[in-house]
Amino acid sequence: MRSAARSRRTAGASLAVVAAMGGLVACSSTPGGGDGAGTTGAGQSAGGGTYTIWDPYPQYDKTSEWVKLLEKCGTGAGVKVERTGYDTSDLTNKALLAAQQGNSPDVLIVDNPVVSTLAEAGVLTTTEENKLDVSAIAPNLLAAGQSGGKTYGVPIGANTLALYYNKDVLKAAGVDIASVKDWASLTAALEKVKAKGKKGITFSAIGTEEGSFQFLPWFWGSGASLTKLDSPEGVSAVTLWSDWLKKGYAPNSVIGNTQTTSWQEFATGDYAFAENGTWQLANAKKAGFPYGIIPIPGKTGGTAPAPTGGEFVSIPVQADTGRYATSQKLVTCLTSTDNSLTTTTTLSYVAPTEAVQAKQVAATPDLKVWVDAVKAAKGRTSDDLGTRYPKISEPMWGAVQAVLSGSKSPQEAMTAAQTAAAQ
C-alpha cells in the first residue's frame, strides 16, 4: 500500500483525468449534491465511534431502504454511520481532494471507471490489504475495479445495455424478433419497419462518455479492441451506425441524443428498437405498448459485450490503519449475499454474484435478459486500460460524431481517433 503522503501528492495529478472521464452514464443516481463532507474518518477511534460513507446516490434520503441498510450495517459493526450522497462527478473530485488533505471517508462508493483513477493515485486500499472477500464475484464485473493486477473494491451491482423493442411495430412490419441474431438480420428488420412507415432504431451518439458507452457494444461486438480504434472491425462498427442514418433506419437526432432523450423517442411508440439500459425498465412498463428486450447482437451473432455500469464499494487509505477492520465489516455487510438482493433491487442493478442473480430472476423473470447481458458485459477500464480509457474514449466519441455528421469517412475518423489516443 502506498503511504498516505504519497496518496496526497499523487491524487492532485488525477483531477484532470477525472474531468476527462465525463459524467456517469449508467448509474441509478440523479443529479444533485450532498449536504457537506460531514465528519471525516481520520483521527477517530477504531473502537466504536462514527464511520463515514460517501456514495453517489443523493436521491436516497434517510427514509430509503438504502440508507436504512447503511445504518443497519453500522449497528452490526458497533459504530454509527454518517453517510453523505454526492452527484457522481462531484464525489470523485471530493474523494481526490479528501485524500490530499488526509480526510478520506472510511468507505467510498464510486462509479466503476473511476476506481482505476483513484487506485493509481494511491487513494484506495486493495482487497488483499483490507481482507475483503471477492471470490464469489463474477470475474468480468470484478475486472472493472482492477488495476495493475490488484483489486480495489467490491462491485455493489451492475447494469448494462440491451435492445428494447416495440412488439406492435415489429408485428405490423412482419418481423419475428427471434430472427434478429446479428447485424445483418437486425438491419433487415429495420428495413422492413421503415417500409411500413415506422421508425427503426434510436440510440445515444452524443459527443460525451454517454456516446462512447452506447457505441461500445457495437465496437466490441465487431471484435474490435480499444487499443486499435482504426482496425477493420472498429471501422465496421461506426460504418453500421452511419449506414443506418443514411438509409433512414435511425434518426439524425441520435447525434445529440442522451440516453434519456433517446428513450423519450422510443416512448412515442413509433420506433421498433431502442438501445438503453436496465434503469429504463420502470419507464418501459409505463410506455403504453407491449415491449420486449433482447441482448445487443454481435456482428456475426451471439451477444455483444456491453459496458458495465455500476459502482464499487472501496476502502480508502487511512492514516489510522486500525480503522480498516471496521470498514471491512461495513463493506462486507453491504455486499453480503443476505443484503445484496435488497441493495440491487433498490438501486435497479443486477447482482454481481450468481446466487443473488438467481434470486432476482425468480422474483422478477423480466430480469433474465439483463442477467444474461451482464454476464457478457465488460468494464470500460478492463484489459488493464485503467486511466488510459478516457484518453481513448474521447477521440472515439469524436470519431463517431464526425462520421454521423458526414464530416469524415469511417476510416478517416477512426484513423484520426487512433492517432489521438496513441498520443
Protein backbone atom coordinates (compact mmCIF):
# COMPACT_ATOMS: atom_id res chain seq x y z
CA MET A 1 0.00 0.00 0.00
CA ARG A 2 1.22 3.47 -0.81
CA SER A 3 1.75 5.83 2.08
CA ALA A 4 -0.82 8.49 2.93
CA ALA A 5 1.70 11.16 1.98
CA ARG A 6 2.17 9.51 -1.39
CA SER A 7 -1.61 9.44 -1.82
CA ARG A 8 -1.91 13.15 -1.19
CA ARG A 9 0.87 14.01 -3.62
CA THR A 10 -0.43 11.89 -6.47
CA ALA A 11 -4.16 12.46 -6.06
CA GLY A 12 -3.99 16.04 -7.31
CA ALA A 13 -2.46 14.92 -10.58
CA SER A 14 -5.50 12.77 -11.27
CA LEU A 15 -8.06 15.58 -11.19
CA ALA A 16 -7.52 16.24 -14.89
CA VAL A 17 -8.02 12.57 -15.65
CA VAL A 18 -11.33 12.54 -13.79
CA ALA A 19 -12.52 15.61 -15.68
CA ALA A 20 -11.82 13.82 -18.94
CA MET A 21 -13.97 10.89 -17.95
CA GLY A 22 -17.18 12.89 -18.19
CA GLY A 23 -20.37 12.17 -16.30
CA LEU A 24 -21.83 8.90 -15.19
CA VAL A 25 -23.71 7.19 -17.95
CA ALA A 26 -25.13 4.09 -16.42
CA CYS A 27 -25.78 4.68 -12.78
CA SER A 28 -29.06 4.93 -10.98
CA SER A 29 -28.06 8.22 -9.37
CA THR A 30 -29.58 11.51 -10.38
CA PRO A 31 -28.06 14.99 -10.48
CA GLY A 32 -27.77 16.63 -7.12
CA GLY A 33 -25.31 17.42 -4.40
CA GLY A 34 -24.54 16.23 -0.95
CA ASP A 35 -25.12 18.17 2.21
CA GLY A 36 -21.48 18.66 3.06
CA ALA A 37 -18.47 16.50 3.72
CA GLY A 38 -19.51 15.59 7.26
CA THR A 39 -17.18 14.15 9.87
CA THR A 40 -14.08 12.61 8.37
CA GLY A 41 -12.64 9.27 9.26
CA ALA A 42 -9.09 10.44 10.07
CA GLY A 43 -8.13 10.67 13.73
CA GLN A 44 -11.16 8.91 15.19
CA SER A 45 -11.01 5.88 17.44
CA ALA A 46 -11.20 2.50 15.75
CA GLY A 47 -13.37 1.15 18.59
CA GLY A 48 -16.96 2.34 18.16
CA GLY A 49 -17.38 5.96 17.15
CA THR A 50 -18.51 7.30 13.80
CA TYR A 51 -17.59 5.94 10.38
CA THR A 52 -18.19 7.97 7.23
CA ILE A 53 -19.60 6.62 3.98
CA TRP A 54 -19.74 8.62 0.75
CA ASP A 55 -21.94 7.39 -2.09
CA PRO A 56 -23.26 8.68 -5.46
CA TYR A 57 -26.94 8.29 -4.58
CA PRO A 58 -28.12 11.73 -3.40
CA GLN A 59 -31.69 10.86 -4.42
CA TYR A 60 -32.00 8.47 -1.46
CA ASP A 61 -32.89 10.11 1.86
CA LYS A 62 -32.99 8.78 5.41
CA THR A 63 -36.32 7.02 4.79
CA SER A 64 -34.98 4.95 1.87
CA GLU A 65 -34.12 1.26 2.01
CA TRP A 66 -30.56 2.16 1.00
CA VAL A 67 -29.90 4.45 3.97
CA LYS A 68 -31.67 2.04 6.32
CA LEU A 69 -29.28 -0.68 5.15
CA LEU A 70 -26.27 1.57 5.79
CA GLU A 71 -27.48 2.25 9.31
CA LYS A 72 -28.18 -1.47 9.89
CA CYS A 73 -24.63 -2.33 8.80
CA GLY A 74 -23.26 0.31 11.14
CA THR A 75 -25.23 -1.10 14.06
CA GLY A 76 -23.96 -4.57 13.24
CA ALA A 77 -20.38 -3.30 13.28
CA GLY A 78 -20.93 -1.46 16.55
CA VAL A 79 -20.49 2.03 15.11
CA LYS A 80 -22.57 4.97 13.94
CA VAL A 81 -22.61 5.54 10.20
CA GLU A 82 -22.53 9.08 8.86
CA ARG A 83 -23.47 9.00 5.20
CA THR A 84 -23.26 11.68 2.52
CA GLY A 85 -24.66 11.31 -1.00
CA TYR A 86 -23.00 13.27 -3.82
CA ASP A 87 -23.52 13.61 -7.53
CA THR A 88 -21.07 11.24 -9.23
CA SER A 89 -18.67 13.76 -10.77
CA ASP A 90 -18.70 15.82 -7.57
CA LEU A 91 -17.97 12.73 -5.50
CA THR A 92 -14.88 11.83 -7.49
CA ASN A 93 -13.34 15.26 -7.14
CA LYS A 94 -14.15 15.38 -3.43
CA ALA A 95 -12.57 11.96 -2.94
CA LEU A 96 -9.33 13.12 -4.54
CA LEU A 97 -9.26 16.34 -2.55
CA ALA A 98 -10.03 14.49 0.69
CA ALA A 99 -7.11 12.16 0.02
CA GLN A 100 -4.81 15.14 -0.49
CA GLN A 101 -5.93 16.53 2.87
CA GLY A 102 -5.77 13.20 4.71
CA ASN A 103 -9.53 13.27 5.33
CA SER A 104 -10.83 10.38 3.24
CA PRO A 105 -14.11 8.73 4.24
CA ASP A 106 -13.93 5.24 5.71
CA VAL A 107 -15.99 3.72 2.90
CA LEU A 108 -16.23 5.16 -0.61
CA ILE A 109 -18.70 4.03 -3.28
CA VAL A 110 -17.73 5.23 -6.77
CA ASP A 111 -18.59 4.66 -10.43
CA ASN A 112 -16.52 1.73 -11.70
CA PRO A 113 -14.43 3.60 -14.34
CA VAL A 114 -13.18 5.92 -11.60
CA VAL A 115 -11.74 3.09 -9.49
CA SER A 116 -8.55 2.84 -11.54
CA THR A 117 -8.06 6.62 -11.35
CA LEU A 118 -8.31 6.60 -7.56
CA ALA A 119 -6.23 3.42 -7.31
CA GLU A 120 -3.40 4.78 -9.44
CA ALA A 121 -3.47 7.94 -7.33
CA GLY A 122 -2.89 5.85 -4.22
CA VAL A 123 -6.26 6.74 -2.72
CA LEU A 124 -7.63 3.19 -2.25
CA THR A 125 -6.52 0.08 -0.41
CA THR A 126 -6.52 -3.28 -2.19
CA THR A 127 -8.80 -6.16 -1.29
CA GLU A 128 -5.69 -8.10 -0.31
CA GLU A 129 -4.77 -5.38 2.17
CA ASN A 130 -8.23 -4.84 3.61
CA LYS A 131 -9.22 -8.54 3.60
CA LEU A 132 -12.38 -8.15 1.52
CA ASP A 133 -13.58 -11.45 0.05
CA VAL A 134 -14.33 -11.15 -3.68
CA SER A 135 -14.21 -14.87 -4.52
CA ALA A 136 -17.92 -15.07 -5.38
CA ILE A 137 -17.93 -12.01 -7.67
CA ALA A 138 -18.21 -12.59 -11.42
CA PRO A 139 -14.72 -12.05 -12.90
CA ASN A 140 -15.94 -9.78 -15.73
CA LEU A 141 -17.56 -7.43 -13.20
CA LEU A 142 -14.61 -7.53 -10.82
CA ALA A 143 -12.26 -6.58 -13.67
CA ALA A 144 -13.72 -3.06 -13.76
CA GLY A 145 -12.21 -2.44 -10.32
CA GLN A 146 -8.78 -3.84 -11.06
CA SER A 147 -5.57 -2.03 -11.92
CA GLY A 148 -2.05 -3.36 -12.20
CA GLY A 149 -3.20 -6.85 -11.24
CA LYS A 150 -4.75 -5.70 -7.96
CA THR A 151 -8.42 -5.36 -6.97
CA TYR A 152 -9.61 -2.19 -5.25
CA GLY A 153 -13.14 -2.88 -4.08
CA VAL A 154 -16.31 -4.91 -4.44
CA PRO A 155 -18.95 -4.20 -7.13
CA ILE A 156 -22.25 -3.40 -5.48
CA GLY A 157 -24.13 -4.36 -8.61
CA ALA A 158 -24.10 -3.78 -12.35
CA ASN A 159 -26.23 -2.51 -15.15
CA THR A 160 -25.63 -2.54 -18.86
CA LEU A 161 -27.27 -2.06 -22.25
CA ALA A 162 -29.66 -4.14 -24.36
CA LEU A 163 -32.23 -3.56 -27.09
CA TYR A 164 -35.81 -2.76 -26.12
CA TYR A 165 -38.30 -3.45 -28.89
CA ASN A 166 -41.90 -2.49 -29.61
CA LYS A 167 -43.88 -5.65 -30.27
CA ASP A 168 -46.67 -3.84 -32.14
CA VAL A 169 -44.29 -2.14 -34.57
CA LEU A 170 -42.45 -5.37 -35.32
CA LYS A 171 -45.69 -7.32 -35.77
CA ALA A 172 -47.01 -4.77 -38.23
CA ALA A 173 -43.75 -4.99 -40.19
CA GLY A 174 -43.82 -8.79 -40.23
CA VAL A 175 -40.63 -9.11 -38.18
CA ASP A 176 -40.13 -12.15 -35.95
CA ILE A 177 -37.87 -10.99 -33.12
CA ALA A 178 -36.36 -14.49 -33.00
CA SER A 179 -34.83 -13.81 -36.40
CA VAL A 180 -32.74 -10.92 -35.08
CA LYS A 181 -29.45 -12.61 -34.26
CA ASP A 182 -26.69 -10.49 -35.82
CA TRP A 183 -26.10 -7.14 -37.55
CA ALA A 184 -27.40 -8.32 -40.93
CA SER A 185 -30.70 -9.64 -39.54
CA LEU A 186 -31.16 -6.54 -37.36
CA THR A 187 -30.60 -4.26 -40.35
CA ALA A 188 -33.05 -6.35 -42.40
CA ALA A 189 -35.65 -5.88 -39.64
CA LEU A 190 -35.08 -2.11 -39.68
CA GLU A 191 -35.60 -2.09 -43.44
CA LYS A 192 -38.96 -3.84 -43.07
CA VAL A 193 -40.05 -1.44 -40.34
CA LYS A 194 -39.21 1.61 -42.45
CA ALA A 195 -41.08 0.13 -45.41
CA LYS A 196 -44.20 0.05 -43.23
CA GLY A 197 -43.87 3.75 -42.40
CA LYS A 198 -42.47 3.35 -38.90
CA LYS A 199 -39.10 4.26 -37.45
CA GLY A 200 -36.25 1.85 -36.94
CA ILE A 201 -33.86 2.31 -34.04
CA THR A 202 -32.83 5.09 -31.70
CA PHE A 203 -29.74 5.36 -29.52
CA SER A 204 -27.40 7.92 -27.99
CA ALA A 205 -24.39 9.02 -30.02
CA ILE A 206 -23.83 12.32 -28.21
CA GLY A 207 -20.25 13.60 -28.03
CA THR A 208 -19.65 12.61 -24.41
CA GLU A 209 -18.85 9.47 -22.45
CA GLU A 210 -22.54 8.63 -22.84
CA GLY A 211 -21.99 8.28 -26.58
CA SER A 212 -18.98 6.03 -26.09
CA PHE A 213 -20.95 3.93 -23.62
CA GLN A 214 -23.64 3.27 -26.24
CA PHE A 215 -21.17 2.72 -29.08
CA LEU A 216 -19.07 0.16 -27.22
CA PRO A 217 -21.43 -2.86 -27.67
CA TRP A 218 -21.22 -2.41 -31.43
CA PHE A 219 -17.47 -1.72 -31.33
CA TRP A 220 -16.71 -4.72 -29.10
CA GLY A 221 -19.38 -6.75 -30.89
CA SER A 222 -17.40 -6.33 -34.11
CA GLY A 223 -14.40 -7.93 -32.46
CA ALA A 224 -12.51 -4.65 -32.15
CA SER A 225 -10.15 -3.66 -29.34
CA LEU A 226 -9.90 -0.24 -27.67
CA THR A 227 -6.15 -0.28 -28.26
CA LYS A 228 -6.72 -0.29 -32.04
CA LEU A 229 -9.64 2.01 -32.86
CA ASP A 230 -8.91 2.05 -36.60
CA SER A 231 -8.93 -1.72 -37.10
CA PRO A 232 -11.22 -3.02 -39.86
CA GLU A 233 -13.54 -4.28 -37.12
CA GLY A 234 -13.69 -0.88 -35.40
CA VAL A 235 -14.34 0.87 -38.70
CA SER A 236 -17.16 -1.57 -39.46
CA ALA A 237 -18.91 -0.62 -36.20
CA VAL A 238 -19.09 3.08 -36.93
CA THR A 239 -19.99 2.27 -40.54
CA LEU A 240 -23.00 0.32 -39.28
CA TRP A 241 -24.35 3.35 -37.43
CA SER A 242 -23.57 5.65 -40.35
CA ASP A 243 -25.38 3.40 -42.81
CA TRP A 244 -28.44 3.32 -40.56
CA LEU A 245 -28.61 7.12 -40.63
CA LYS A 246 -28.07 7.32 -44.39
CA LYS A 247 -30.85 4.82 -45.03
CA GLY A 248 -33.24 6.46 -42.57
CA TYR A 249 -33.27 3.50 -40.21
CA ALA A 250 -32.07 5.75 -37.35
CA PRO A 251 -32.87 9.46 -36.90
CA ASN A 252 -30.29 12.25 -37.23
CA SER A 253 -31.23 13.23 -33.67
CA VAL A 254 -29.01 10.42 -32.34
CA ILE A 255 -26.02 12.74 -32.77
CA GLY A 256 -27.30 14.86 -29.89
CA ASN A 257 -29.33 12.24 -28.03
CA THR A 258 -28.60 11.41 -24.43
CA GLN A 259 -29.86 8.09 -23.18
CA THR A 260 -32.82 9.96 -21.71
CA THR A 261 -33.84 11.74 -24.92
CA SER A 262 -33.29 8.55 -26.89
CA TRP A 263 -35.69 6.79 -24.54
CA GLN A 264 -38.22 9.56 -24.97
CA GLU A 265 -38.15 8.92 -28.73
CA PHE A 266 -38.79 5.23 -28.20
CA ALA A 267 -41.60 6.02 -25.75
CA THR A 268 -43.56 7.72 -28.55
CA GLY A 269 -44.38 4.24 -29.83
CA ASP A 270 -43.08 4.94 -33.34
CA TYR A 271 -39.74 3.12 -33.06
CA ALA A 272 -39.06 -0.58 -33.40
CA PHE A 273 -35.90 -0.61 -31.27
CA ALA A 274 -34.07 1.44 -28.67
CA GLU A 275 -30.66 0.81 -27.19
CA ASN A 276 -30.92 1.55 -23.49
CA GLY A 277 -30.30 0.21 -20.03
CA THR A 278 -31.70 -1.64 -17.06
CA TRP A 279 -32.66 1.67 -15.48
CA GLN A 280 -35.45 2.16 -18.06
CA LEU A 281 -37.43 -0.92 -17.01
CA ALA A 282 -39.89 1.05 -14.90
CA ASN A 283 -40.46 3.51 -17.76
CA ALA A 284 -40.92 0.64 -20.22
CA LYS A 285 -43.76 -0.72 -18.12
CA LYS A 286 -45.45 2.70 -18.28
CA ALA A 287 -44.95 3.15 -22.04
CA GLY A 288 -48.43 2.04 -23.02
CA PHE A 289 -47.39 -0.52 -25.62
CA PRO A 290 -46.14 -4.13 -25.39
CA TYR A 291 -42.36 -4.34 -25.35
CA GLY A 292 -39.63 -6.93 -25.17
CA ILE A 293 -35.87 -6.93 -24.62
CA ILE A 294 -33.05 -8.77 -26.40
CA PRO A 295 -29.29 -8.61 -25.90
CA ILE A 296 -27.40 -6.46 -28.40
CA PRO A 297 -26.25 -8.87 -31.11
CA GLY A 298 -22.64 -9.25 -32.15
CA LYS A 299 -21.67 -8.65 -35.76
CA THR A 300 -21.76 -12.33 -36.67
CA GLY A 301 -24.09 -13.48 -33.91
CA GLY A 302 -24.08 -14.11 -30.21
CA THR A 303 -24.32 -11.46 -27.52
CA ALA A 304 -22.10 -8.42 -27.89
CA PRO A 305 -20.13 -7.40 -24.81
CA ALA A 306 -21.78 -4.26 -23.47
CA PRO A 307 -20.04 -1.97 -20.97
CA THR A 308 -20.84 -2.42 -17.31
CA GLY A 309 -22.26 0.42 -15.31
CA GLY A 310 -22.47 0.44 -11.55
CA GLU A 311 -20.34 1.23 -8.55
CA PHE A 312 -17.60 -0.32 -6.43
CA VAL A 313 -17.56 -0.22 -2.64
CA SER A 314 -13.99 0.55 -1.62
CA ILE A 315 -11.93 1.37 1.44
CA PRO A 316 -9.74 4.47 1.11
CA VAL A 317 -6.27 4.75 2.60
CA GLN A 318 -6.34 5.95 6.22
CA ALA A 319 -3.52 7.24 8.43
CA ASP A 320 -5.10 5.23 11.26
CA THR A 321 -4.91 1.73 9.81
CA GLY A 322 -6.76 0.37 12.83
CA ARG A 323 -9.98 1.62 11.23
CA TYR A 324 -9.76 -0.86 8.36
CA ALA A 325 -11.17 -3.79 10.34
CA THR A 326 -14.46 -1.99 10.99
CA SER A 327 -14.59 -0.58 7.45
CA GLN A 328 -14.20 -4.13 6.19
CA LYS A 329 -17.21 -5.19 8.28
CA LEU A 330 -19.28 -2.36 6.78
CA VAL A 331 -18.36 -3.23 3.19
CA THR A 332 -18.90 -6.95 3.80
CA CYS A 333 -22.34 -6.20 5.21
CA LEU A 334 -23.33 -4.02 2.24
CA THR A 335 -22.22 -6.59 -0.30
CA SER A 336 -23.16 -9.82 1.50
CA THR A 337 -25.47 -12.34 -0.13
CA ASP A 338 -28.11 -11.65 2.53
CA ASN A 339 -28.19 -7.91 1.79
CA SER A 340 -27.27 -7.87 -1.90
CA LEU A 341 -30.84 -8.58 -3.05
CA THR A 342 -32.13 -5.55 -1.13
CA THR A 343 -29.28 -3.38 -2.36
CA THR A 344 -29.51 -4.29 -6.04
CA THR A 345 -33.30 -4.09 -6.06
CA THR A 346 -33.19 -0.62 -4.51
CA LEU A 347 -30.54 0.58 -6.95
CA SER A 348 -32.07 -1.18 -10.00
CA TYR A 349 -28.94 -3.26 -10.57
CA VAL A 350 -28.14 -6.83 -11.45
CA ALA A 351 -26.32 -8.51 -8.57
CA PRO A 352 -22.60 -9.30 -9.00
CA THR A 353 -22.95 -12.92 -7.83
CA GLU A 354 -24.76 -15.85 -9.47
CA ALA A 355 -26.53 -16.76 -6.24
CA VAL A 356 -28.27 -13.40 -5.93
CA GLN A 357 -28.86 -13.13 -9.68
CA ALA A 358 -30.88 -16.34 -9.43
CA LYS A 359 -32.97 -14.80 -6.65
CA GLN A 360 -33.57 -11.69 -8.75
CA VAL A 361 -34.78 -13.67 -11.76
CA ALA A 362 -37.01 -15.82 -9.54
CA ALA A 363 -38.64 -12.68 -8.17
CA THR A 364 -38.71 -10.78 -11.49
CA PRO A 365 -38.48 -13.01 -14.59
CA ASP A 366 -38.09 -9.92 -16.82
CA LEU A 367 -34.59 -9.54 -15.41
CA LYS A 368 -33.28 -12.70 -17.07
CA VAL A 369 -32.26 -10.92 -20.27
CA TRP A 370 -30.40 -8.36 -18.18
CA VAL A 371 -28.63 -11.03 -16.17
CA ASP A 372 -27.51 -12.64 -19.44
CA ALA A 373 -26.35 -9.26 -20.76
CA VAL A 374 -24.39 -8.53 -17.59
CA LYS A 375 -22.70 -11.94 -17.82
CA ALA A 376 -21.42 -10.97 -21.28
CA ALA A 377 -20.52 -7.40 -20.32
CA LYS A 378 -17.07 -5.97 -19.63
CA GLY A 379 -15.68 -2.96 -17.82
CA ARG A 380 -14.57 0.06 -19.77
CA THR A 381 -11.24 0.07 -17.96
CA SER A 382 -10.80 -3.72 -18.26
CA ASP A 383 -7.89 -5.25 -20.17
CA ASP A 384 -5.70 -3.24 -17.79
CA LEU A 385 -6.54 0.02 -19.58
CA GLY A 386 -7.05 1.87 -16.29
CA THR A 387 -6.61 5.61 -16.70
CA ARG A 388 -5.83 5.16 -20.39
CA TYR A 389 -9.53 4.59 -21.05
CA PRO A 390 -10.71 8.24 -21.00
CA LYS A 391 -7.86 9.14 -23.36
CA ILE A 392 -9.25 6.56 -25.78
CA SER A 393 -12.93 7.22 -25.22
CA GLU A 394 -12.89 10.91 -26.08
CA PRO A 395 -11.33 10.56 -29.55
CA MET A 396 -13.62 7.56 -30.14
CA TRP A 397 -16.81 9.51 -29.46
CA GLY A 398 -15.37 12.36 -31.54
CA ALA A 399 -14.87 9.94 -34.44
CA VAL A 400 -18.45 8.70 -34.17
CA GLN A 401 -19.69 12.29 -34.24
CA ALA A 402 -17.56 13.09 -37.28
CA VAL A 403 -18.85 10.10 -39.21
CA LEU A 404 -22.51 10.58 -38.34
CA SER A 405 -22.35 14.28 -39.23
CA GLY A 406 -20.74 13.43 -42.56
CA SER A 407 -17.57 15.43 -42.00
CA LYS A 408 -15.29 12.36 -42.23
CA SER A 409 -15.45 8.86 -43.63
CA PRO A 410 -15.43 5.98 -41.14
CA GLN A 411 -11.81 5.07 -41.93
CA GLU A 412 -10.59 8.69 -41.77
CA ALA A 413 -12.36 9.32 -38.48
CA MET A 414 -11.16 6.18 -36.74
CA THR A 415 -7.60 6.63 -38.00
CA ALA A 416 -7.56 10.16 -36.57
CA ALA A 417 -9.03 8.84 -33.31
CA GLN A 418 -6.36 6.16 -33.03
CA THR A 419 -3.62 8.74 -33.60
CA ALA A 420 -5.06 10.99 -30.87
CA ALA A 421 -5.49 8.08 -28.46
CA ALA A 422 -1.92 6.89 -29.02
CA GLN A 423 -0.57 10.33 -28.16
